[in-house]
Amino acid sequence: MKSILVFLFLTFLSSCAYFENEVFENNNQNIILEPEEEADDKSFFGPGYSFWKELRSVERGKIELSREYKNLKKKPNGYTSWIGHSSFIINNFDLNIITDPIFSERASPFSFFGPKRLIPPAIDYEDLPNIDVIVISHNHYDHLDKKTIKNLNRINPDIIYLVPLKLKKWFQSMGIKNVYEFNWWEEKKIKNTTFTFVPVQHWSRRGLFDRNKTLWGGWWIENDNIKLVHLGDTGYTNDFIEINKRFGSPDLAFIPIGAYAPRWIMKESHMNPEEALKTAFDLDAKKSIGMHWGTFILTTEPTEEPKKVLENLIAKKGLGKDFFSTIIPGKVYPFDRKSN
């Protein structure tokens, strides 16, 4: 029985190198191609045995947590705090927003098997303010968690969910009504904030037969006080240059820096710190925060390597530490309000 479950789980998380019968495509037409020399280390369902063996032996460091958010009785107007992975609580001077929420113990369709959290969520359900909007980048289990969505909807049924194209039905099947789905470049204004779904280079899948049947992307979040962009999950792509051409420079970019090894598998769908830094320049971001690291072991680089590599790059290039940094989960990162 266990071997069957393992087989099913590996199928769920199988390599993004296989794109047959896809519905949605990336703007980059060279979609996740494998080097021929690695062909003996894969199966029909994804990476081969050596990848899974190496994954089991990854150095499992635990990153520091802060209780600042939990202990702060009055939150500032305009801030973010990292819950873990790609999940942030954001107050943009107008709305309370959560990105890609996952509070569960595992990023998996199973409660007893699959990538387990290295750190607990730095912010618990009871710590949250009244949430206005939740944005979802794509449907992978580490970005869209059914138990978390059910709990958040139970706490506040008035939350508005902004999701990629073809994902609305998934939410409606749980009785959630305030759901709006988006193609790339489509937008919606909520109060004084405009949300635009922007293209990134990735893929989607939750089951055996739904590969790329729902879209993926990032979120541009803008009002008169601040411009933010959350890139979800992505490989390096020229889409970032186009985002800058259309919207200008974000005041803060949330950019993934982890889950990048081995490169022959992950290069097209996950950036390494060097590519993440290039992304910050392509966006012309005033400041950036690194995410998608330190929470789940999904790939074979050591847990704390993305942070260390990024910090070394910043120092080597003589950039300010706040130009592109990582933040401690649970710390409060205040925003600067634009002077109009």
Protein backbone atom coordinates (compact mmCIF):
# COMPACT_ATOMS: atom_id res chain seq x y z
CA MET A 1 0.00 0.00 0.00
CA LYS A 2 2.77 2.42 0.94
CA SER A 3 4.59 1.86 -2.35
CA ILE A 4 1.41 2.68 -4.26
CA LEU A 5 1.02 5.93 -2.34
CA VAL A 6 4.65 6.83 -2.98
CA PHE A 7 4.12 6.20 -6.69
CA LEU A 8 1.04 8.41 -6.74
CA PHE A 9 2.77 11.17 -4.83
CA LEU A 10 5.77 11.20 -7.16
CA THR A 11 3.35 11.36 -10.04
CA PHE A 12 1.65 14.38 -8.48
CA LEU A 13 4.99 16.13 -8.09
CA SER A 14 6.54 14.79 -11.27
CA SER A 15 9.06 16.86 -13.17
CA CYS A 16 7.88 19.90 -15.08
CA ALA A 17 9.96 18.61 -18.01
CA TYR A 18 6.92 16.84 -19.46
CA PHE A 19 4.42 19.10 -21.20
CA GLU A 20 2.48 16.92 -23.64
CA ASN A 21 -1.22 17.73 -24.15
CA GLU A 22 -0.85 21.05 -22.39
CA VAL A 23 -3.52 23.71 -22.54
CA PHE A 24 -1.55 26.72 -21.35
CA GLU A 25 1.98 27.60 -22.47
CA ASN A 26 4.70 29.97 -21.37
CA ASN A 27 5.64 32.97 -23.49
CA ASN A 28 9.04 31.31 -23.84
CA GLN A 29 8.56 28.60 -26.46
CA ASN A 30 11.60 26.57 -25.31
CA ILE A 31 9.63 25.04 -22.48
CA ILE A 32 11.59 22.97 -20.00
CA LEU A 33 13.76 20.89 -22.27
CA GLU A 34 16.09 18.28 -20.78
CA PRO A 35 19.76 17.90 -21.69
CA GLU A 36 20.33 14.63 -23.51
CA GLU A 37 23.15 13.66 -21.19
CA GLU A 38 20.70 13.51 -18.28
CA ALA A 39 18.21 11.33 -20.11
CA ASP A 40 19.27 8.17 -18.25
CA ASP A 41 18.29 9.77 -14.92
CA LYS A 42 14.59 10.23 -15.54
CA SER A 43 11.47 8.17 -15.91
CA PHE A 44 8.16 8.74 -17.64
CA PHE A 45 6.93 10.34 -14.42
CA GLY A 46 9.85 12.69 -13.82
CA PRO A 47 13.36 12.72 -12.33
CA GLY A 48 15.12 9.43 -11.78
CA TYR A 49 16.26 7.60 -8.68
CA SER A 50 19.41 9.66 -8.10
CA PHE A 51 17.37 12.85 -7.67
CA TRP A 52 15.08 11.32 -5.04
CA LYS A 53 18.07 9.75 -3.27
CA GLU A 54 19.86 13.10 -3.13
CA LEU A 55 16.68 14.82 -1.96
CA ARG A 56 16.53 12.54 1.09
CA SER A 57 20.00 13.60 2.18
CA VAL A 58 19.58 17.39 1.83
CA GLU A 59 21.01 19.40 4.70
CA ARG A 60 17.96 20.35 6.78
CA GLY A 61 18.79 23.60 8.54
CA LYS A 62 16.03 25.50 10.36
CA ILE A 63 15.90 29.23 9.77
CA GLU A 64 15.29 31.79 12.49
CA LEU A 65 11.74 32.80 13.42
CA SER A 66 10.49 36.01 15.04
CA ARG A 67 7.49 36.62 17.29
CA GLU A 68 7.38 40.33 16.43
CA TYR A 69 4.17 40.10 14.40
CA LYS A 70 2.46 37.95 17.02
CA ASN A 71 3.45 40.29 19.85
CA LEU A 72 2.73 43.57 18.07
CA LYS A 73 -0.64 44.75 19.35
CA LYS A 74 -1.05 47.50 16.78
CA LYS A 75 0.27 46.85 13.29
CA PRO A 76 1.64 49.74 11.23
CA ASN A 77 -0.31 51.07 8.27
CA GLY A 78 1.63 49.64 5.34
CA TYR A 79 3.76 46.57 5.98
CA THR A 80 4.45 42.96 5.10
CA SER A 81 5.47 39.92 7.13
CA TRP A 82 6.69 36.57 5.85
CA ILE A 83 4.57 33.62 6.95
CA GLY A 84 6.88 31.17 5.16
CA HIS A 85 7.62 29.89 1.63
CA SER A 86 5.68 32.21 -0.74
CA SER A 87 3.07 33.23 1.85
CA PHE A 88 3.07 36.85 3.01
CA ILE A 89 0.61 39.00 4.87
CA ILE A 90 0.56 42.43 3.23
CA ASN A 91 -1.11 45.68 4.20
CA ASN A 92 -0.73 48.06 1.27
CA PHE A 93 -2.27 51.10 3.04
CA ASP A 94 -5.64 49.99 1.64
CA LEU A 95 -6.24 46.24 2.00
CA ASN A 96 -5.05 43.23 3.98
CA ILE A 97 -3.78 40.67 1.48
CA ILE A 98 -2.31 37.16 1.72
CA THR A 99 -0.24 35.65 -1.09
CA ASP A 100 -0.25 31.88 -1.81
CA PRO A 101 -1.30 30.89 1.73
CA ILE A 102 -0.19 27.54 3.12
CA PHE A 103 -0.46 26.94 6.87
CA SER A 104 -0.55 23.13 6.68
CA GLU A 105 2.15 20.76 7.92
CA ARG A 106 2.82 19.36 4.44
CA ALA A 107 2.79 20.64 0.86
CA SER A 108 1.02 17.53 -0.36
CA PRO A 109 -2.34 15.98 -1.22
CA PHE A 110 -1.73 13.67 1.76
CA SER A 111 -1.69 14.58 5.44
CA PHE A 112 0.89 11.89 6.25
CA PHE A 113 3.28 11.97 3.30
CA GLY A 114 5.08 14.58 1.22
CA PRO A 115 7.27 17.65 1.84
CA LYS A 116 7.00 18.55 5.52
CA ARG A 117 7.50 22.02 6.96
CA LEU A 118 10.94 22.75 8.39
CA ILE A 119 9.49 25.72 10.25
CA PRO A 120 5.94 26.34 11.45
CA PRO A 121 3.98 29.22 9.95
CA ALA A 122 5.43 32.35 11.58
CA ILE A 123 1.89 33.74 11.79
CA ASP A 124 -1.08 31.62 12.86
CA TYR A 125 -4.72 31.94 11.84
CA GLU A 126 -5.57 33.66 15.12
CA ASP A 127 -2.85 36.27 14.53
CA LEU A 128 -4.31 37.44 11.23
CA PRO A 129 -6.18 40.71 10.79
CA ASN A 130 -9.41 40.75 8.80
CA ILE A 131 -8.25 39.56 5.37
CA ASP A 132 -9.71 41.35 2.35
CA VAL A 133 -8.02 39.59 -0.57
CA ILE A 134 -6.11 36.36 -1.22
CA VAL A 135 -4.07 36.05 -4.43
CA ILE A 136 -3.03 32.67 -5.85
CA SER A 137 -0.17 32.31 -8.34
CA HIS A 138 -0.79 28.71 -9.44
CA ASN A 139 -2.15 25.37 -8.26
CA HIS A 140 0.91 23.47 -6.99
CA TYR A 141 0.50 22.10 -3.48
CA ASP A 142 3.09 24.42 -1.95
CA HIS A 143 1.13 27.45 -3.22
CA LEU A 144 -2.49 26.31 -3.06
CA ASP A 145 -3.47 24.30 0.00
CA LYS A 146 -7.04 23.06 0.37
CA LYS A 147 -7.08 22.87 4.17
CA THR A 148 -5.70 26.40 4.46
CA ILE A 149 -8.24 27.84 2.03
CA LYS A 150 -11.10 26.11 3.87
CA ASN A 151 -9.92 27.50 7.21
CA LEU A 152 -9.46 31.03 5.91
CA ASN A 153 -12.89 30.96 4.28
CA ARG A 154 -14.44 29.66 7.50
CA ILE A 155 -12.85 32.52 9.46
CA ASN A 156 -14.00 35.12 6.92
CA PRO A 157 -16.43 34.10 4.14
CA ASP A 158 -16.17 37.62 2.66
CA ILE A 159 -12.56 37.21 1.50
CA ILE A 160 -12.11 37.89 -2.21
CA TYR A 161 -10.00 35.29 -4.04
CA LEU A 162 -8.07 36.25 -7.18
CA VAL A 163 -6.91 33.15 -9.08
CA PRO A 164 -5.46 32.07 -12.44
CA LEU A 165 -7.66 31.14 -15.38
CA LYS A 166 -9.58 27.82 -15.03
CA LEU A 167 -9.03 27.61 -11.26
CA LYS A 168 -12.32 29.20 -10.21
CA LYS A 169 -14.21 25.89 -10.21
CA TRP A 170 -11.80 24.43 -7.64
CA PHE A 171 -12.84 27.14 -5.18
CA GLN A 172 -16.50 26.95 -6.07
CA SER A 173 -16.49 23.21 -5.35
CA MET A 174 -15.86 24.16 -1.70
CA GLY A 175 -18.72 26.64 -1.66
CA ILE A 176 -16.50 29.71 -2.01
CA LYS A 177 -18.32 32.40 -4.01
CA ASN A 178 -16.08 35.47 -4.06
CA VAL A 179 -13.69 34.12 -6.72
CA TYR A 180 -12.43 35.91 -9.81
CA GLU A 181 -10.15 34.26 -12.35
CA PHE A 182 -7.65 35.98 -14.63
CA ASN A 183 -5.75 35.59 -17.84
CA TRP A 184 -2.40 37.35 -18.12
CA TRP A 185 -2.66 41.16 -18.04
CA GLU A 186 -6.27 41.13 -16.86
CA GLU A 187 -6.98 43.36 -13.89
CA LYS A 188 -9.49 44.10 -11.16
CA LYS A 189 -9.83 47.09 -8.87
CA ILE A 190 -10.76 46.46 -5.22
CA LYS A 191 -11.24 49.60 -3.15
CA ASN A 192 -8.28 51.78 -4.20
CA THR A 193 -5.99 48.94 -5.32
CA THR A 194 -5.64 47.46 -8.81
CA PHE A 195 -4.58 43.81 -9.10
CA THR A 196 -3.12 42.65 -12.43
CA PHE A 197 -2.21 39.04 -13.23
CA VAL A 198 1.18 39.03 -14.94
CA PRO A 199 3.00 36.31 -16.91
CA VAL A 200 5.84 34.25 -15.45
CA GLN A 201 7.48 31.05 -16.68
CA HIS A 202 6.14 28.00 -14.89
CA TRP A 203 3.53 25.20 -15.15
CA SER A 204 0.57 23.75 -13.27
CA ARG A 205 -0.61 20.38 -12.00
CA ARG A 206 -2.44 18.82 -9.05
CA GLY A 207 -3.45 15.40 -10.35
CA LEU A 208 -2.70 12.72 -12.91
CA PHE A 209 -4.50 14.24 -15.87
CA ASP A 210 -4.58 18.03 -15.37
CA ARG A 211 -1.12 19.06 -16.50
CA ASN A 212 -1.20 22.76 -17.48
CA LYS A 213 -5.00 22.83 -17.52
CA THR A 214 -4.94 25.92 -15.27
CA LEU A 215 -2.83 29.03 -15.77
CA TRP A 216 0.05 30.34 -13.61
CA GLY A 217 1.47 33.80 -13.07
CA GLY A 218 2.36 36.59 -10.65
CA TRP A 219 0.45 39.55 -9.20
CA TRP A 220 1.07 43.25 -9.71
CA ILE A 221 -0.62 45.11 -6.84
CA GLU A 222 -0.79 48.90 -7.14
CA ASN A 223 -2.42 51.91 -5.54
CA ASP A 224 -1.44 55.55 -5.12
CA ASN A 225 0.79 54.71 -2.17
CA ILE A 226 2.79 51.67 -3.28
CA LYS A 227 3.51 49.32 -6.19
CA LEU A 228 4.15 45.66 -5.34
CA VAL A 229 4.79 42.57 -7.44
CA HIS A 230 4.68 38.95 -6.23
CA LEU A 231 6.15 36.56 -8.80
CA GLY A 232 4.81 33.27 -7.40
CA ASP A 233 6.97 30.50 -8.90
CA THR A 234 9.02 31.15 -12.01
CA GLY A 235 12.08 30.45 -14.06
CA TYR A 236 14.05 33.34 -15.49
CA THR A 237 12.16 34.95 -18.37
CA ASN A 238 11.92 38.12 -20.45
CA ASP A 239 8.44 38.58 -19.01
CA PHE A 240 10.00 40.64 -16.23
CA ILE A 241 11.23 43.23 -18.73
CA GLU A 242 7.72 43.45 -20.20
CA ILE A 243 6.20 43.89 -16.74
CA ASN A 244 8.51 46.86 -16.16
CA LYS A 245 7.65 48.35 -19.56
CA ARG A 246 3.94 48.22 -18.78
CA PHE A 247 3.89 49.24 -15.13
CA GLY A 248 7.20 50.87 -14.31
CA SER A 249 9.33 50.09 -11.27
CA PRO A 250 7.82 48.28 -8.28
CA ASP A 251 8.56 49.72 -4.87
CA LEU A 252 8.94 46.15 -3.63
CA ALA A 253 9.24 42.84 -5.50
CA PHE A 254 8.71 39.43 -3.89
CA ILE A 255 11.07 37.18 -5.87
CA PRO A 256 11.64 33.41 -5.48
CA ILE A 257 15.27 32.48 -4.78
CA GLY A 258 15.11 28.76 -3.85
CA ALA A 259 14.21 25.27 -5.12
CA TYR A 260 16.68 25.46 -8.01
CA ALA A 261 18.84 22.30 -7.86
CA PRO A 262 19.67 20.29 -9.86
CA ARG A 263 19.64 22.88 -12.64
CA TRP A 264 18.98 20.40 -15.45
CA ILE A 265 15.56 19.76 -13.90
CA MET A 266 14.71 23.09 -12.31
CA LYS A 267 16.27 25.80 -14.48
CA GLU A 268 13.22 26.58 -16.60
CA SER A 269 10.74 26.66 -13.72
CA HIS A 270 12.73 27.91 -10.68
CA MET A 271 15.33 30.67 -10.46
CA ASN A 272 18.58 30.51 -8.56
CA PRO A 273 19.81 33.58 -6.60
CA GLU A 274 21.86 34.88 -9.55
CA GLU A 275 18.80 34.83 -11.80
CA ALA A 276 16.65 36.29 -9.04
CA LEU A 277 19.03 39.24 -8.74
CA LYS A 278 18.91 39.73 -12.51
CA THR A 279 15.12 39.71 -12.22
CA ALA A 280 15.28 42.55 -9.69
CA PHE A 281 17.29 44.57 -12.23
CA ASP A 282 14.93 43.67 -15.09
CA LEU A 283 11.97 44.85 -13.03
CA ASP A 284 13.98 47.90 -11.91
CA ALA A 285 12.67 47.12 -8.43
CA LYS A 286 13.52 49.66 -5.77
CA LYS A 287 13.70 46.88 -3.18
CA SER A 288 13.20 43.11 -3.29
CA ILE A 289 12.53 40.32 -0.80
CA GLY A 290 13.62 36.73 -1.45
CA MET A 291 11.01 34.01 -0.93
CA HIS A 292 10.36 30.33 -1.78
CA TRP A 293 13.15 28.98 0.42
CA GLY A 294 13.69 27.73 3.97
CA THR A 295 10.22 26.24 4.51
CA PHE A 296 9.93 23.00 2.50
CA ILE A 297 12.59 20.74 1.02
CA LEU A 298 11.56 20.48 -2.61
CA THR A 299 14.97 20.29 -4.30
CA THR A 300 18.54 19.32 -3.58
CA GLU A 301 20.31 22.55 -2.53
CA PRO A 302 20.97 22.93 1.23
CA THR A 303 18.15 24.74 3.02
CA GLU A 304 20.05 27.93 3.83
CA GLU A 305 22.11 28.11 0.62
CA PRO A 306 19.78 30.51 -1.29
CA LYS A 307 20.08 33.17 1.42
CA LYS A 308 23.87 32.80 1.68
CA VAL A 309 24.41 32.93 -2.08
CA LEU A 310 22.17 35.97 -2.42
CA GLU A 311 23.96 37.82 0.38
CA ASN A 312 27.35 37.05 -1.19
CA LEU A 313 26.14 38.36 -4.55
CA ILE A 314 24.84 41.58 -3.00
CA ALA A 315 28.15 42.14 -1.18
CA LYS A 316 30.25 41.28 -4.23
CA LYS A 317 28.35 43.75 -6.42
CA GLY A 318 28.49 46.48 -3.77
CA LEU A 319 24.72 46.80 -3.53
CA GLY A 320 22.91 48.01 -0.43
CA LYS A 321 21.73 45.25 1.88
CA ASP A 322 18.13 46.41 1.57
CA PHE A 323 18.21 46.36 -2.25
CA PHE A 324 17.49 42.61 -2.23
CA SER A 325 17.27 40.89 1.11
CA THR A 326 15.68 38.00 2.93
CA ILE A 327 13.56 38.69 5.98
CA ILE A 328 13.00 36.64 9.11
CA PRO A 329 9.58 34.97 9.16
CA GLY A 330 7.34 36.81 11.60
CA LYS A 331 9.30 40.10 11.48
CA VAL A 332 7.35 43.19 10.45
CA TYR A 333 8.73 44.91 7.35
CA PRO A 334 7.23 48.44 7.19
CA PHE A 335 6.60 50.19 3.87
CA ASP A 336 7.41 53.78 2.95
CA ARG A 337 4.34 55.69 1.84
CA LYS A 338 4.81 57.70 -1.35
CA SER A 339 4.66 61.42 -0.91
CA ASN A 340 2.04 62.71 -3.37
